[in-house]
């Protein structure tokens, strides 16, 4: 039997949609999806997974923090009002006609209503906030991007796992059908006195084992659906099904193994680069601590004075003043020097983080690539084994029907066939998973923003 007749039904049953670039299909709605393809599951996850939603909220929170910090450059306007009643007024002694005389100063009731505006002109903290705003925004977006990449990988693997299990069920069903016929034939031969009861009892044992396998796979498949729902943020109690289209996986599993590592493609490396820039700005900020702080102010107030409360606000005595405030840090022990040296050490440490990240990315890529190549070889071997085991089974089945081979040899060939089919599916899933790992290691997994 030709290889295409053996492998193609398995291949066509499992869609493979490269998550390297999603085209994006329109979903029926954000609450439920049925007969979903892989790209629909990923699109749904990117919109509905709680972890991604939290990352997007963190972006908004970060934006508010940035705007709050930068608001210090705007005028700060404050209003104040107070009322005072002097139970005991101040008394001073003044000479009157050369005689010291006690004189009461002020009035019993006073009130002040004032407005003051302050404007920062030179402030090291605000300068730092202005320089770091860009990198903090970048940092929040990179965190969201990292969450989305892991979502694409996890959802893809879970999707493939379900399809592999579904095809295992199909193989098991075919095996059960085959064993039921063999059991019927073996029993008929026993009834005819051609063989003893050992053959049909062996067939019964094999059939029971296959039925048990089907039950186990079916129960695990329920969990795998629940796990995929969890990954995409899908309601646990809602109906959900996935679609197996006619994409030819044999044309999709291959990967260019000559790709070179570009560290900037890895979001984790870019996150460390952003942190390095923030640390550099922090060092500059500590150096700016030697600068003075300069701000301007202007205020206006209305003073009210009267011994009687009911007449307190009849007359006001306005006042206004404006000016500049300059604060120069002259000596603060060695605190500023120590903070600068500390920041410089942290900057050197950030440089080493980048070196370590490069080493880890290289190691991850080599490991992922080695796994992919090994799984590719296993997959090709398994594909050949399916063809061989099918041919062996067909031959022995004919020989058994003609009485040349024993039933034990037939059962052995049938077991080998089922094993090679399952091994093929496992190798196919491992190959798809390792390809995703390579794409993640190389930083080539992208998605619609």
Protein backbone atom coordinates (compact mmCIF):
# COMPACT_ATOMS: atom_id res chain seq x y z
CA UNK A 1 0.00 0.00 0.00
CA UNK A 2 1.30 3.43 -0.89
CA UNK A 3 2.50 5.69 1.86
CA UNK A 4 0.03 8.46 1.01
CA UNK A 5 -2.88 6.10 1.51
CA UNK A 6 -1.60 5.30 4.98
CA UNK A 7 -0.32 8.62 6.30
CA UNK A 8 -2.49 11.15 4.54
CA UNK A 9 -5.71 10.37 6.49
CA UNK A 10 -3.78 11.00 9.70
CA UNK A 11 -2.18 14.14 8.33
CA UNK A 12 -5.37 15.64 6.99
CA UNK A 13 -7.08 15.11 10.32
CA UNK A 14 -4.77 17.55 12.10
CA UNK A 15 -4.54 21.20 11.03
CA UNK A 16 -1.28 23.00 11.33
CA UNK A 17 -1.41 26.76 11.21
CA UNK A 18 1.96 28.40 11.70
CA UNK A 19 1.71 30.78 14.64
CA UNK A 20 4.63 32.73 13.22
CA UNK A 21 2.12 35.06 11.59
CA UNK A 22 -1.61 34.99 12.19
CA UNK A 23 -3.95 36.20 9.52
CA UNK A 24 -6.80 36.45 11.98
CA UNK A 25 -10.34 35.26 11.27
CA UNK A 26 -13.49 36.99 12.36
CA UNK A 27 -14.99 35.38 15.42
CA UNK A 28 -18.67 34.87 15.82
CA UNK A 29 -18.45 36.59 19.18
CA UNK A 30 -16.21 37.09 22.17
CA UNK A 31 -18.25 34.83 24.44
CA UNK A 32 -18.52 31.52 22.54
CA UNK A 33 -16.83 29.92 19.53
CA UNK A 34 -17.50 26.54 17.95
CA UNK A 35 -15.64 24.52 15.34
CA UNK A 36 -12.65 26.75 16.07
CA UNK A 37 -9.42 26.67 14.11
CA UNK A 38 -6.07 27.29 15.73
CA UNK A 39 -5.85 30.92 14.68
CA UNK A 40 -9.37 31.51 16.05
CA UNK A 41 -8.37 30.01 19.39
CA UNK A 42 -5.28 32.23 19.52
CA UNK A 43 -7.24 35.31 18.50
CA UNK A 44 -9.82 34.55 21.18
CA UNK A 45 -7.08 34.04 23.78
CA UNK A 46 -5.39 37.34 22.93
CA UNK A 47 -8.68 39.11 23.57
CA UNK A 48 -10.03 37.17 26.53
CA UNK A 49 -7.27 35.53 28.55
CA UNK A 50 -7.22 37.08 32.06
CA UNK A 51 -3.40 37.28 32.19
CA UNK A 52 -3.31 39.34 28.98
CA UNK A 53 -6.17 41.53 30.17
CA UNK A 54 -4.26 42.13 33.38
CA UNK A 55 -1.15 43.07 31.40
CA UNK A 56 -3.18 45.57 29.38
CA UNK A 57 -4.61 47.03 32.59
CA UNK A 58 -1.05 47.27 33.94
CA UNK A 59 -0.19 49.29 30.83
CA UNK A 60 -3.01 51.71 31.62
CA UNK A 61 -1.96 51.90 35.28
CA UNK A 62 1.62 52.60 34.18
CA UNK A 63 0.42 55.36 31.85
CA UNK A 64 -1.44 56.98 34.74
CA UNK A 65 1.68 56.77 36.91
CA UNK A 66 3.74 58.43 34.18
CA UNK A 67 1.24 61.24 33.71
CA UNK A 68 1.01 61.69 37.47
CA UNK A 69 4.79 62.05 37.71
CA UNK A 70 4.97 64.49 34.78
CA UNK A 71 2.16 66.61 36.16
CA UNK A 72 4.74 68.21 38.43
CA UNK A 73 5.78 70.39 35.47
CA UNK A 74 2.35 72.02 35.43
CA UNK A 75 1.44 74.89 37.77
CA UNK A 76 0.40 73.72 41.22
CA UNK A 77 -2.44 75.92 42.49
CA UNK A 78 -3.73 75.74 46.05
CA UNK A 79 -6.41 77.67 47.88
CA UNK A 80 -6.51 78.20 51.65
CA UNK A 81 -8.96 79.77 54.05
CA UNK A 82 -8.89 80.15 57.81
CA UNK A 83 -10.72 81.82 60.65
CA UNK A 84 -9.13 82.71 64.02
CA UNK A 85 -10.68 84.01 67.21
CA UNK A 86 -8.26 85.44 69.77
CA UNK A 87 -9.52 84.63 73.24
CA UNK A 88 -6.63 86.61 74.67
CA UNK A 89 -5.17 89.29 72.48
CA UNK A 90 -1.49 90.09 72.51
CA UNK A 91 -0.44 93.06 74.64
CA UNK A 92 2.70 95.09 74.05
CA UNK A 93 4.18 98.00 76.00
CA UNK A 94 4.67 101.32 74.18
CA UNK A 95 5.79 104.64 75.65
CA UNK A 96 2.99 107.18 75.61
CA UNK A 97 4.13 110.70 76.66
CA UNK A 98 7.15 109.04 78.13
CA UNK A 99 5.09 106.68 80.21
CA UNK A 100 5.11 102.90 79.41
CA UNK A 101 1.58 101.97 78.45
CA UNK A 102 0.01 98.54 77.72
CA UNK A 103 -1.45 98.47 74.21
CA UNK A 104 -3.64 95.62 72.85
CA UNK A 105 -2.52 94.55 69.38
CA UNK A 106 -4.76 93.23 66.62
CA UNK A 107 -8.42 92.33 66.65
CA UNK A 108 -10.35 89.52 68.28
CA UNK A 109 -11.31 87.91 64.95
CA UNK A 110 -9.20 87.40 61.84
CA UNK A 111 -9.73 85.51 58.59
CA UNK A 112 -7.57 84.90 55.54
CA UNK A 113 -8.59 83.63 52.12
CA UNK A 114 -5.66 83.07 49.75
CA UNK A 115 -4.67 81.41 46.48
CA UNK A 116 -1.09 80.46 45.61
CA UNK A 117 0.39 79.12 42.37
CA UNK A 118 3.78 77.41 42.20
CA UNK A 119 5.69 76.57 39.03
CA UNK A 120 8.68 74.21 38.98
CA UNK A 121 11.45 75.53 36.76
CA UNK A 122 14.39 73.31 37.61
CA UNK A 123 13.85 70.01 39.42
CA UNK A 124 16.04 66.90 39.15
CA UNK A 125 13.19 64.52 39.96
CA UNK A 126 10.97 65.92 37.23
CA UNK A 127 13.82 65.84 34.73
CA UNK A 128 14.28 62.15 35.49
CA UNK A 129 10.53 61.50 35.14
CA UNK A 130 10.57 63.14 31.69
CA UNK A 131 13.51 61.01 30.51
CA UNK A 132 12.19 57.71 31.85
CA UNK A 133 8.58 58.05 30.62
CA UNK A 134 9.40 56.57 27.21
CA UNK A 135 11.17 53.56 28.67
CA UNK A 136 8.50 52.82 31.25
CA UNK A 137 5.86 52.78 28.50
CA UNK A 138 8.12 50.49 26.50
CA UNK A 139 8.61 48.21 29.49
CA UNK A 140 4.87 47.74 30.05
CA UNK A 141 4.29 46.96 26.36
CA UNK A 142 7.12 44.43 26.36
CA UNK A 143 5.58 42.65 29.34
CA UNK A 144 2.28 42.41 27.48
CA UNK A 145 4.07 41.15 24.38
CA UNK A 146 5.84 38.47 26.40
CA UNK A 147 2.53 37.26 27.83
CA UNK A 148 1.06 37.08 24.33
CA UNK A 149 3.99 35.05 22.98
CA UNK A 150 3.64 32.48 25.76
CA UNK A 151 -0.10 32.40 25.08
CA UNK A 152 0.44 31.66 21.38
CA UNK A 153 2.85 28.82 22.20
CA UNK A 154 0.74 27.29 24.98
CA UNK A 155 -2.52 27.48 23.03
CA UNK A 156 -0.89 25.97 19.93
CA UNK A 157 0.54 23.05 21.88
CA UNK A 158 -2.77 22.40 23.65
CA UNK A 159 -4.59 22.56 20.31
CA UNK A 160 -2.22 20.02 18.74
CA UNK A 161 -2.52 17.79 21.81
CA UNK A 162 -6.30 17.63 21.41
CA UNK A 163 -6.06 16.83 17.72
CA UNK A 164 -3.50 14.12 18.41
CA UNK A 165 -5.78 12.56 21.04
CA UNK A 166 -8.73 12.74 18.67
CA UNK A 167 -6.77 10.88 16.02
CA UNK A 168 -5.69 8.33 18.63
CA UNK A 169 -9.38 7.74 19.27
CA UNK A 170 -9.93 7.19 15.55
CA UNK A 171 -7.07 4.69 15.43
CA UNK A 172 -8.42 2.94 18.52
CA UNK A 173 -11.88 2.74 16.98
CA UNK A 174 -10.41 1.20 13.83
CA UNK A 175 -8.47 -1.22 15.97
CA UNK A 176 -11.60 -2.18 17.92
CA UNK A 177 -13.49 -2.79 14.68
CA UNK A 178 -10.65 -4.94 13.42
CA UNK A 179 -10.44 -6.91 16.68
CA UNK A 180 -14.18 -7.46 16.79
CA UNK A 181 -14.01 -9.06 13.34
CA UNK A 182 -11.01 -11.13 14.38
CA UNK A 183 -12.84 -12.25 17.51
CA UNK A 184 -15.82 -13.25 15.42
CA UNK A 185 -13.64 -15.15 12.94
CA UNK A 186 -11.63 -16.87 15.70
CA UNK A 187 -14.79 -17.96 17.46
CA UNK A 188 -16.24 -19.28 14.22
CA UNK A 189 -13.09 -21.31 13.61
CA UNK A 190 -13.28 -22.62 17.18
CA UNK A 191 -16.91 -23.62 16.68
CA UNK A 192 -15.89 -25.35 13.46
CA UNK A 193 -13.21 -27.32 15.30
CA UNK A 194 -10.37 -25.76 13.31
CA UNK A 195 -8.62 -24.17 16.31
CA UNK A 196 -8.85 -24.35 20.05
CA UNK A 197 -10.37 -21.67 22.25
CA UNK A 198 -7.01 -19.95 22.88
CA UNK A 199 -7.27 -17.81 19.72
CA UNK A 200 -10.64 -16.25 20.41
CA UNK A 201 -9.75 -15.71 24.08
CA UNK A 202 -6.65 -13.83 23.01
CA UNK A 203 -8.83 -11.81 20.66
CA UNK A 204 -11.18 -11.07 23.55
CA UNK A 205 -8.27 -9.89 25.72
CA UNK A 206 -6.95 -7.62 22.97
CA UNK A 207 -10.42 -6.22 22.36
CA UNK A 208 -10.92 -5.48 26.05
CA UNK A 209 -7.55 -3.73 26.21
CA UNK A 210 -8.41 -1.57 23.19
CA UNK A 211 -11.78 -0.67 24.70
CA UNK A 212 -10.00 0.31 27.93
CA UNK A 213 -7.58 2.45 25.87
CA UNK A 214 -10.51 4.18 24.24
CA UNK A 215 -12.06 4.97 27.63
CA UNK A 216 -8.76 6.35 28.94
CA UNK A 217 -8.17 8.54 25.87
CA UNK A 218 -11.78 9.79 25.95
CA UNK A 219 -11.53 10.84 29.59
CA UNK A 220 -8.17 12.55 29.09
CA UNK A 221 -9.59 14.34 26.06
CA UNK A 222 -12.22 15.98 28.29
CA UNK A 223 -9.45 17.40 30.46
CA UNK A 224 -7.50 18.59 27.42
CA UNK A 225 -10.53 20.51 26.19
CA UNK A 226 -10.92 22.06 29.65
CA UNK A 227 -7.23 23.01 29.68
CA UNK A 228 -7.48 24.67 26.26
CA UNK A 229 -10.54 26.60 27.49
CA UNK A 230 -8.49 27.79 30.45
CA UNK A 231 -5.63 28.91 28.23
CA UNK A 232 -7.84 30.99 25.94
CA UNK A 233 -10.03 32.40 28.72
CA UNK A 234 -13.12 30.55 27.49
CA UNK A 235 -16.15 29.98 29.80
CA UNK A 236 -15.71 26.55 31.36
CA UNK A 237 -19.36 25.52 31.04
CA UNK A 238 -19.89 26.83 27.49
CA UNK A 239 -19.95 24.54 24.47
CA UNK A 240 -16.66 24.40 22.61
CA UNK A 241 -15.28 22.40 19.70
CA UNK A 242 -12.27 22.65 17.42
CA UNK A 243 -12.02 22.22 13.69
CA UNK A 244 -9.74 19.90 11.75
CA UNK A 245 -9.28 21.29 8.26
CA UNK A 246 -7.50 19.77 5.29
CA UNK A 247 -4.15 21.51 5.78
CA UNK A 248 -1.33 19.16 4.80
CA UNK A 249 0.94 18.98 7.80
CA UNK A 250 3.73 17.27 5.92
CA UNK A 251 4.26 20.53 4.03
CA UNK A 252 4.17 22.61 7.23
CA UNK A 253 6.33 20.84 9.80
CA UNK A 254 9.64 21.77 8.18
CA UNK A 255 11.72 24.60 9.59
CA UNK A 256 14.74 26.51 8.34
CA UNK A 257 17.44 25.22 10.69
CA UNK A 258 20.07 27.63 9.31
CA UNK A 259 18.49 30.72 10.89
CA UNK A 260 20.90 32.85 12.88
CA UNK A 261 20.18 34.15 16.36
CA UNK A 262 19.14 37.79 16.55
CA UNK A 263 19.03 38.64 20.23
CA UNK A 264 16.88 41.71 19.62
CA UNK A 265 14.10 39.42 18.39
CA UNK A 266 13.71 38.04 21.91
CA UNK A 267 11.41 40.20 23.98
CA UNK A 268 13.17 39.05 27.16
CA UNK A 269 16.43 40.55 25.85
CA UNK A 270 14.68 43.78 24.91
CA UNK A 271 13.18 43.94 28.39
CA UNK A 272 16.67 43.80 29.90
CA UNK A 273 17.84 46.46 27.43
CA UNK A 274 15.01 48.71 28.59
CA UNK A 275 15.95 48.11 32.22
CA UNK A 276 19.54 48.97 31.32
CA UNK A 277 18.41 52.32 29.88
CA UNK A 278 16.35 53.05 32.97
CA UNK A 279 19.37 52.31 35.15
CA UNK A 280 21.51 54.63 33.02
CA UNK A 281 18.97 57.42 33.53
CA UNK A 282 18.94 56.67 37.26
CA UNK A 283 22.71 57.20 37.35
CA UNK A 284 22.27 60.53 35.57
CA UNK A 285 19.57 61.49 38.06
CA UNK A 286 21.90 60.93 41.00
CA UNK A 287 24.42 63.21 39.32
CA UNK A 288 21.69 65.82 38.82
CA UNK A 289 21.15 65.81 42.57
CA UNK A 290 23.93 68.42 42.74
CA UNK A 291 21.74 70.86 40.83
CA UNK A 292 19.70 73.44 42.73
CA UNK A 293 15.92 73.39 42.74
CA UNK A 294 14.27 76.48 41.28
CA UNK A 295 10.59 77.33 41.35
CA UNK A 296 8.45 80.41 41.01
CA UNK A 297 5.37 81.37 42.98
CA UNK A 298 2.66 84.00 43.13
CA UNK A 299 -0.13 84.38 45.63
CA UNK A 300 -3.08 86.59 46.39
CA UNK A 301 -4.86 86.88 49.72
CA UNK A 302 -7.67 88.77 51.34
CA UNK A 303 -7.35 89.56 55.05
CA UNK A 304 -10.36 90.24 57.21
CA UNK A 305 -10.03 91.87 60.67
CA UNK A 306 -12.77 92.85 63.13
CA UNK A 307 -13.56 92.57 66.80
CA UNK A 308 -17.11 91.48 65.97
CA UNK A 309 -17.78 88.28 64.11
CA UNK A 310 -20.85 89.61 62.31
CA UNK A 311 -18.82 92.45 60.82
CA UNK A 312 -15.71 90.38 60.11
CA UNK A 313 -16.19 90.21 56.32
CA UNK A 314 -17.34 93.80 55.82
CA UNK A 315 -13.86 95.01 54.90
CA UNK A 316 -10.90 93.15 53.44
CA UNK A 317 -7.26 94.06 53.22
CA UNK A 318 -5.84 92.35 50.13
CA UNK A 319 -2.22 91.41 49.63
CA UNK A 320 -0.24 89.74 46.87
CA UNK A 321 3.34 88.61 46.39
CA UNK A 322 5.34 86.75 43.76
CA UNK A 323 8.89 85.54 43.57
CA UNK A 324 11.37 82.74 43.04
CA UNK A 325 12.58 80.06 45.40
CA UNK A 326 16.07 78.66 44.94
CA UNK A 327 17.25 75.72 46.99
CA UNK A 328 20.94 74.79 46.73
CA UNK A 329 22.15 71.51 48.28
CA UNK A 330 25.50 72.43 49.77
CA UNK A 331 26.49 69.48 51.93
CA UNK A 332 24.57 66.30 52.69
CA UNK A 333 27.33 64.21 54.12
CA UNK A 334 28.46 61.72 51.46
CA UNK A 335 24.96 60.56 50.57
CA UNK A 336 24.97 61.89 46.99
CA UNK A 337 28.41 60.44 46.26
CA UNK A 338 27.39 57.05 47.61
CA UNK A 339 24.15 57.07 45.60
CA UNK A 340 26.07 57.83 42.40
CA UNK A 341 28.54 55.01 43.00
CA UNK A 342 25.69 52.64 43.85
CA UNK A 343 23.89 53.55 40.61
CA UNK A 344 27.08 52.98 38.61
CA UNK A 345 27.46 49.52 40.15
CA UNK A 346 23.84 48.73 39.30
CA UNK A 347 24.52 49.85 35.75
CA UNK A 348 27.45 47.45 35.51
CA UNK A 349 25.26 44.70 36.90
CA UNK A 350 22.65 45.41 34.22
CA UNK A 351 25.37 45.01 31.59
CA UNK A 352 26.17 41.58 33.00
CA UNK A 353 22.45 40.69 32.89
CA UNK A 354 22.57 41.29 29.15
CA UNK A 355 25.64 39.08 28.79
CA UNK A 356 23.95 36.34 30.79
CA UNK A 357 20.77 36.69 28.74
CA UNK A 358 22.73 36.21 25.50
CA UNK A 359 24.28 33.02 26.87
CA UNK A 360 20.89 31.69 27.96
CA UNK A 361 19.23 32.54 24.63
CA UNK A 362 22.02 30.80 22.75
CA UNK A 363 21.70 27.73 24.95
CA UNK A 364 17.89 27.67 24.62
CA UNK A 365 18.11 27.97 20.86
CA UNK A 366 20.64 25.17 20.57
CA UNK A 367 18.53 22.93 22.81
CA UNK A 368 15.33 23.70 20.89
CA UNK A 369 17.03 23.17 17.53
CA UNK A 370 18.55 19.86 18.65
CA UNK A 371 15.18 18.68 19.91
CA UNK A 372 13.53 19.68 16.64
CA UNK A 373 16.09 17.83 14.52
CA UNK A 374 15.79 14.72 16.67
CA UNK A 375 11.99 14.83 16.55
CA UNK A 376 12.08 15.38 12.80
CA UNK A 377 14.13 12.20 12.42
CA UNK A 378 11.78 10.32 14.77
CA UNK A 379 8.79 11.52 12.76
CA UNK A 380 10.29 10.38 9.45
CA UNK A 381 11.19 7.00 11.00
CA UNK A 382 7.70 6.61 12.46
CA UNK A 383 6.16 7.42 9.09
CA UNK A 384 8.19 4.68 7.44
CA UNK A 385 7.33 2.25 10.25
CA UNK A 386 3.61 2.80 9.72
CA UNK A 387 3.97 1.77 6.10
CA UNK A 388 6.07 -1.29 6.97
CA UNK A 389 3.83 -2.43 9.83
CA UNK A 390 0.74 -2.06 7.63
CA UNK A 391 2.35 -4.20 4.93
CA UNK A 392 3.42 -6.81 7.49
CA UNK A 393 -0.07 -6.94 8.99
CA UNK A 394 -1.75 -7.28 5.60
CA UNK A 395 0.59 -10.12 4.64
CA UNK A 396 0.20 -12.02 7.90
CA UNK A 397 -3.58 -11.51 7.81
CA UNK A 398 -3.76 -13.21 4.41
CA UNK A 399 -1.47 -15.99 5.60
CA UNK A 400 -3.55 -16.47 8.76
CA UNK A 401 -6.75 -16.71 6.73
CA UNK A 402 -5.04 -19.38 4.64
CA UNK A 403 -3.92 -21.23 7.76
CA UNK A 404 -0.22 -20.59 7.24
CA UNK A 405 0.36 -18.23 10.22
CA UNK A 406 -0.82 -18.62 13.79
CA UNK A 407 -3.24 -16.31 15.50
CA UNK A 408 -0.47 -15.20 17.89
CA UNK A 409 1.57 -13.94 14.92
CA UNK A 410 -1.48 -12.07 13.63
CA UNK A 411 -2.04 -10.43 17.01
CA UNK A 412 1.62 -9.47 17.19
CA UNK A 413 1.41 -7.83 13.77
CA UNK A 414 -1.80 -6.03 14.74
CA UNK A 415 -0.19 -4.76 17.94
CA UNK A 416 2.86 -3.55 16.01
CA UNK A 417 0.60 -1.71 13.58
CA UNK A 418 -1.30 0.06 16.34
CA UNK A 419 1.92 0.92 18.16
CA UNK A 420 3.54 2.43 15.06
CA UNK A 421 0.41 4.50 14.34
CA UNK A 422 0.40 5.88 17.88
CA UNK A 423 4.15 6.47 17.73
CA UNK A 424 3.65 8.38 14.49
CA UNK A 425 1.10 10.67 16.12
CA UNK A 426 3.29 11.20 19.19
CA UNK A 427 6.27 11.97 16.96
CA UNK A 428 4.16 14.40 14.96
CA UNK A 429 3.02 16.21 18.11
CA UNK A 430 6.58 16.33 19.48
CA UNK A 431 7.79 17.73 16.17
CA UNK A 432 5.15 20.47 16.16
CA UNK A 433 5.90 21.34 19.79
CA UNK A 434 9.65 21.48 19.19
CA UNK A 435 9.10 23.69 16.13
CA UNK A 436 7.18 26.12 18.35
CA UNK A 437 10.04 26.00 20.86
CA UNK A 438 12.54 26.87 18.12
CA UNK A 439 10.38 29.76 16.91
CA UNK A 440 10.06 31.03 20.47
CA UNK A 441 13.81 30.70 21.07
CA UNK A 442 14.58 32.59 17.86
CA UNK A 443 11.95 35.23 18.69
CA UNK A 444 10.11 34.71 15.40
CA UNK A 445 6.62 34.20 16.85
CA UNK A 446 4.51 37.24 16.03
CA UNK A 447 0.82 38.07 16.25
CA UNK A 448 -1.61 40.81 15.41
CA UNK A 449 -1.17 43.67 17.87
